[in-house]
Amino acid sequence: MTACGGGDKGGSAASGNKEKIVIGTKFDQPGLGLKGPDGKLTGFDVDVATFVAQQLGYAPEKIEWKESVSAQRENLIDNDQVDFIAATYSINDERKKRIDFAGPYLITGQSLLVRADNTDITGKDSLANNKKLCSVKGSTPAQKIKDEFKSVQLQEYPNYAACVEALKNGAVDAVTTDEVILAGFAAQSPGAFKVVGDTFSTEKYGIGLKKGDTELQTKINDALTKMEADGAWAAAFEKNLGPAGIKTPTPPAIEK
């Protein structure tokens, strides 16, 4: 099965013969997928997706970017509105029922962001006494809080930028999601926030695509393997997430 995707019925993403490839990513996450005032997208996910697209035969000007909020990612893939999604997309069994993944291309873990002057939240073990915690609706971190931290008051917002604004204004006590996402926001506002505690999950970021499109899945995995082998992966990580103080990790093994 080869998915057309993106509403373009004139070819397939894997064949490289579409006029444009449609890629989903986040538009609101510094260091990963952020749309600037000039309309330009920057971030690690963006660079990974661009590299993959080029390996498939699509130059950057042949990419059409589509915002992919957490709660809508599977719908966008199911409905052929995108060819693939690179958007801090954690691989899990529930999502695999609807879509397939290539990768992973990054391994991170859930953590906590608090205001810089906060002293009572130091990690997951201090999440008690009805602390107000913000995460994004439909995200893996939000579900983990519901499942494992029953005493916490979880506020679910449409995106992490809204969560960080609520944290800044004192409406919530902390924001929780993957460490690399939180570090990006902390780096964007020096001195305002801090990431606290050890990570308390393992999140493998993959590229989501249409269920059964094994041709595209294989080609994306080949592209990710090449990106990791030739140093482009490390360069992209250092450029986008190095300023947040995160050490460049070893690239994960592709699960073929």
Protein backbone atom coordinates (compact mmCIF):
# COMPACT_ATOMS: atom_id res chain seq x y z
CA MET A 1 0.00 0.00 0.00
CA THR A 2 1.32 3.41 -0.89
CA ALA A 3 -0.37 6.46 0.57
CA CYS A 4 -0.79 9.55 -1.52
CA GLY A 5 -1.10 11.88 1.44
CA GLY A 6 -1.43 15.61 1.62
CA GLY A 7 -4.39 15.68 -0.72
CA ASP A 8 -2.07 15.44 -3.75
CA LYS A 9 -3.26 12.48 -5.81
CA GLY A 10 -0.63 12.93 -8.50
CA GLY A 11 1.94 10.64 -6.94
CA SER A 12 3.27 9.26 -3.70
CA ALA A 13 5.69 10.69 -1.15
CA ALA A 14 7.90 7.60 -1.35
CA SER A 15 8.28 7.80 -5.12
CA GLY A 16 9.48 11.40 -5.06
CA ASN A 17 7.12 12.37 -7.88
CA LYS A 18 4.62 14.59 -6.07
CA GLU A 19 4.63 18.29 -6.84
CA LYS A 20 4.93 19.01 -3.13
CA ILE A 21 5.33 16.92 -0.02
CA VAL A 22 3.17 17.88 2.97
CA ILE A 23 4.88 17.52 6.34
CA GLY A 24 3.28 18.04 9.73
CA THR A 25 5.18 19.61 12.60
CA LYS A 26 4.66 21.85 15.62
CA PHE A 27 4.64 25.61 15.14
CA ASP A 28 4.95 26.61 18.81
CA GLN A 29 7.92 24.74 20.30
CA PRO A 30 11.25 26.55 20.49
CA GLY A 31 14.21 24.41 19.48
CA LEU A 32 11.99 21.75 17.90
CA GLY A 33 9.32 23.28 15.68
CA LEU A 34 8.73 27.03 15.88
CA LYS A 35 7.18 29.37 13.33
CA GLY A 36 8.76 32.82 13.53
CA PRO A 37 7.16 36.19 12.78
CA ASP A 38 8.64 35.93 9.28
CA GLY A 39 6.80 32.64 8.72
CA LYS A 40 10.02 30.62 8.74
CA LEU A 41 10.07 27.33 10.61
CA THR A 42 13.07 26.39 12.74
CA GLY A 43 13.94 23.55 15.10
CA PHE A 44 15.33 20.04 15.36
CA ASP A 45 12.14 18.33 14.15
CA VAL A 46 12.05 20.72 11.19
CA ASP A 47 15.66 19.96 10.28
CA VAL A 48 15.11 16.20 10.58
CA ALA A 49 11.99 16.36 8.40
CA THR A 50 13.75 18.56 5.83
CA PHE A 51 16.66 16.11 5.60
CA VAL A 52 14.25 13.20 5.17
CA ALA A 53 12.31 15.06 2.48
CA GLN A 54 15.52 15.78 0.56
CA GLN A 55 16.45 12.10 0.66
CA LEU A 56 13.00 11.31 -0.75
CA GLY A 57 13.65 13.74 -3.60
CA TYR A 58 11.98 16.93 -2.35
CA ALA A 59 14.02 20.12 -2.06
CA PRO A 60 13.06 22.53 0.78
CA GLU A 61 10.97 24.65 -1.58
CA LYS A 62 8.91 21.55 -2.41
CA ILE A 63 7.83 21.15 1.23
CA GLU A 64 4.45 22.37 2.41
CA TRP A 65 4.40 22.56 6.22
CA LYS A 66 1.19 21.86 8.14
CA GLU A 67 0.73 22.61 11.83
CA SER A 68 0.11 19.38 13.71
CA VAL A 69 -1.08 19.84 17.28
CA SER A 70 -0.83 16.79 19.52
CA ALA A 71 -4.52 15.90 19.59
CA GLN A 72 -4.90 16.02 15.79
CA ARG A 73 -1.85 14.12 14.56
CA GLU A 74 -3.48 10.74 13.89
CA ASN A 75 -6.46 12.43 12.22
CA LEU A 76 -4.17 14.35 9.86
CA ILE A 77 -2.45 11.12 8.84
CA ASP A 78 -5.67 9.10 8.58
CA ASN A 79 -7.31 11.76 6.41
CA ASP A 80 -4.34 12.07 4.01
CA GLN A 81 -3.77 15.72 4.97
CA VAL A 82 -0.05 15.09 5.46
CA ASP A 83 2.50 12.67 4.04
CA PHE A 84 4.28 12.31 7.37
CA ILE A 85 4.57 14.04 10.72
CA ALA A 86 7.69 14.97 12.71
CA ALA A 87 6.30 16.75 15.75
CA THR A 88 7.68 15.51 19.09
CA TYR A 89 5.65 12.39 18.29
CA SER A 90 6.19 9.67 20.90
CA ILE A 91 5.97 6.12 19.60
CA ASN A 92 3.50 4.04 21.59
CA ASP A 93 1.32 0.97 21.10
CA GLU A 94 -1.98 2.87 21.18
CA ARG A 95 -0.92 5.13 18.31
CA LYS A 96 0.44 2.15 16.36
CA LYS A 97 -3.11 0.84 16.11
CA ARG A 98 -3.91 3.74 13.76
CA ILE A 99 -0.62 4.74 12.15
CA ASP A 100 2.92 3.51 11.52
CA PHE A 101 6.18 5.06 12.70
CA ALA A 102 9.65 5.39 11.27
CA GLY A 103 12.55 5.92 13.65
CA PRO A 104 12.98 6.69 16.45
CA TYR A 105 15.18 9.70 15.76
CA LEU A 106 15.36 11.06 19.33
CA ILE A 107 14.96 9.64 22.83
CA THR A 108 13.98 11.98 25.66
CA GLY A 109 11.86 11.79 28.82
CA GLN A 110 9.16 13.62 30.74
CA SER A 111 10.28 16.37 33.08
CA LEU A 112 9.03 19.52 34.83
CA LEU A 113 9.39 23.25 34.15
CA VAL A 114 8.87 25.71 37.01
CA ARG A 115 9.44 29.40 37.59
CA ALA A 116 13.04 30.22 38.41
CA ASP A 117 12.17 31.27 41.97
CA ASN A 118 10.21 28.09 42.75
CA THR A 119 11.74 26.00 45.55
CA ASP A 120 9.00 23.51 46.46
CA ILE A 121 8.85 21.54 43.21
CA THR A 122 12.13 19.71 42.71
CA GLY A 123 10.99 16.72 40.68
CA LYS A 124 8.19 14.21 40.29
CA ASP A 125 8.27 13.21 43.98
CA SER A 126 7.21 16.73 45.00
CA LEU A 127 4.09 16.61 42.81
CA ALA A 128 1.58 16.47 45.64
CA ASN A 129 -0.75 18.69 47.66
CA ASN A 130 -2.94 19.51 44.67
CA LYS A 131 -0.25 21.22 42.66
CA LYS A 132 -1.56 22.71 39.42
CA LEU A 133 0.21 21.14 36.49
CA CYS A 134 -0.19 22.06 32.84
CA SER A 135 0.24 19.83 29.80
CA VAL A 136 -1.24 19.53 26.33
CA LYS A 137 -4.49 17.78 25.53
CA GLY A 138 -3.91 14.50 23.71
CA SER A 139 -0.23 14.26 24.66
CA THR A 140 1.59 11.31 26.21
CA PRO A 141 2.76 13.41 29.21
CA ALA A 142 -0.81 14.47 30.01
CA GLN A 143 -1.96 10.86 30.03
CA LYS A 144 0.91 9.83 32.31
CA ILE A 145 -0.10 12.47 34.85
CA LYS A 146 -3.71 11.22 34.77
CA ASP A 147 -2.57 7.63 35.24
CA GLU A 148 0.14 8.05 37.87
CA PHE A 149 -0.28 11.35 39.72
CA LYS A 150 -3.87 11.34 40.93
CA SER A 151 -3.47 14.17 43.47
CA VAL A 152 -2.27 16.67 40.89
CA GLN A 153 -4.70 19.14 39.32
CA LEU A 154 -4.00 18.69 35.63
CA GLN A 155 -4.84 21.61 33.34
CA GLU A 156 -4.93 20.59 29.67
CA TYR A 157 -4.17 23.38 27.19
CA PRO A 158 -4.11 23.26 23.38
CA ASN A 159 -0.35 23.88 23.18
CA TYR A 160 2.74 24.24 25.32
CA ALA A 161 3.16 27.94 24.64
CA ALA A 162 -0.17 28.48 26.42
CA CYS A 163 1.04 26.31 29.31
CA VAL A 164 4.25 28.32 29.63
CA GLU A 165 2.26 31.58 29.60
CA ALA A 166 0.06 30.19 32.40
CA LEU A 167 3.19 29.28 34.34
CA LYS A 168 4.60 32.78 33.86
CA ASN A 169 1.35 34.32 35.13
CA GLY A 170 1.11 32.02 38.15
CA ALA A 171 -2.03 30.23 36.95
CA VAL A 172 -0.23 26.90 37.23
CA ASP A 173 2.68 25.69 39.34
CA ALA A 174 4.55 23.71 36.70
CA VAL A 175 4.48 22.55 33.10
CA THR A 176 5.19 18.95 32.22
CA THR A 177 6.26 17.44 28.94
CA ASP A 178 9.44 16.07 27.44
CA GLU A 179 12.70 17.54 28.67
CA VAL A 180 13.82 18.78 25.24
CA ILE A 181 10.58 20.74 24.83
CA LEU A 182 10.88 22.33 28.26
CA ALA A 183 14.54 23.17 27.69
CA GLY A 184 13.61 25.00 24.50
CA PHE A 185 11.16 27.22 26.37
CA ALA A 186 13.64 27.82 29.19
CA ALA A 187 16.29 28.91 26.68
CA GLN A 188 13.81 31.25 25.01
CA SER A 189 13.26 33.18 28.28
CA PRO A 190 16.64 33.26 30.08
CA GLY A 191 16.31 33.54 33.85
CA ALA A 192 12.53 33.07 33.93
CA PHE A 193 12.22 29.29 34.21
CA LYS A 194 14.16 26.16 35.12
CA VAL A 195 13.87 22.46 34.37
CA VAL A 196 13.89 20.42 37.60
CA GLY A 197 14.37 16.78 38.57
CA ASP A 198 15.29 13.68 36.64
CA THR A 199 13.24 12.50 33.69
CA PHE A 200 10.50 10.06 34.68
CA SER A 201 9.62 8.39 31.41
CA THR A 202 11.27 7.30 28.19
CA GLU A 203 9.87 8.90 25.06
CA LYS A 204 10.99 7.76 21.63
CA TYR A 205 10.23 10.36 18.96
CA GLY A 206 9.27 8.84 15.64
CA ILE A 207 7.99 10.04 12.29
CA GLY A 208 4.30 9.19 11.93
CA LEU A 209 2.92 8.01 8.59
CA LYS A 210 -0.01 6.20 7.03
CA LYS A 211 -0.70 2.70 8.34
CA GLY A 212 0.65 0.11 5.92
CA ASP A 213 2.87 2.41 3.84
CA THR A 214 5.93 0.20 4.20
CA GLU A 215 7.68 1.74 1.19
CA LEU A 216 7.65 5.21 2.74
CA GLN A 217 8.49 3.84 6.19
CA THR A 218 11.57 2.05 4.82
CA LYS A 219 12.77 5.10 2.90
CA ILE A 220 12.35 7.38 5.93
CA ASN A 221 14.29 4.92 8.10
CA ASP A 222 17.06 4.84 5.48
CA ALA A 223 17.15 8.65 5.48
CA LEU A 224 17.34 8.81 9.29
CA THR A 225 20.15 6.24 9.29
CA LYS A 226 22.08 8.36 6.79
CA MET A 227 21.46 11.55 8.79
CA GLU A 228 22.81 9.94 11.95
CA ALA A 229 25.82 8.38 10.19
CA ASP A 230 27.09 11.44 8.35
CA GLY A 231 26.98 13.89 11.29
CA ALA A 232 23.97 15.91 10.11
CA TRP A 233 21.89 14.64 13.04
CA ALA A 234 24.40 15.79 15.67
CA ALA A 235 24.85 19.14 13.91
CA ALA A 236 21.08 19.71 13.90
CA PHE A 237 20.79 18.81 17.58
CA GLU A 238 23.66 21.10 18.60
CA LYS A 239 22.29 24.00 16.56
CA ASN A 240 18.75 23.78 17.89
CA LEU A 241 19.01 22.37 21.41
CA GLY A 242 22.62 23.01 22.39
CA PRO A 243 21.80 26.61 23.47
CA ALA A 244 19.37 25.17 26.03
CA GLY A 245 22.27 23.44 27.77
CA ILE A 246 21.39 19.90 26.73
CA LYS A 247 24.34 17.69 25.90
CA THR A 248 24.15 16.14 22.43
CA PRO A 249 23.23 12.48 22.95
CA THR A 250 24.12 9.44 20.91
CA PRO A 251 21.56 9.03 18.12
CA PRO A 252 19.12 6.19 18.79
CA ALA A 253 19.13 2.98 16.80
CA ILE A 254 16.47 2.88 14.11
CA GLU A 255 13.88 0.18 14.80
CA LYS A 256 13.42 -1.49 11.44
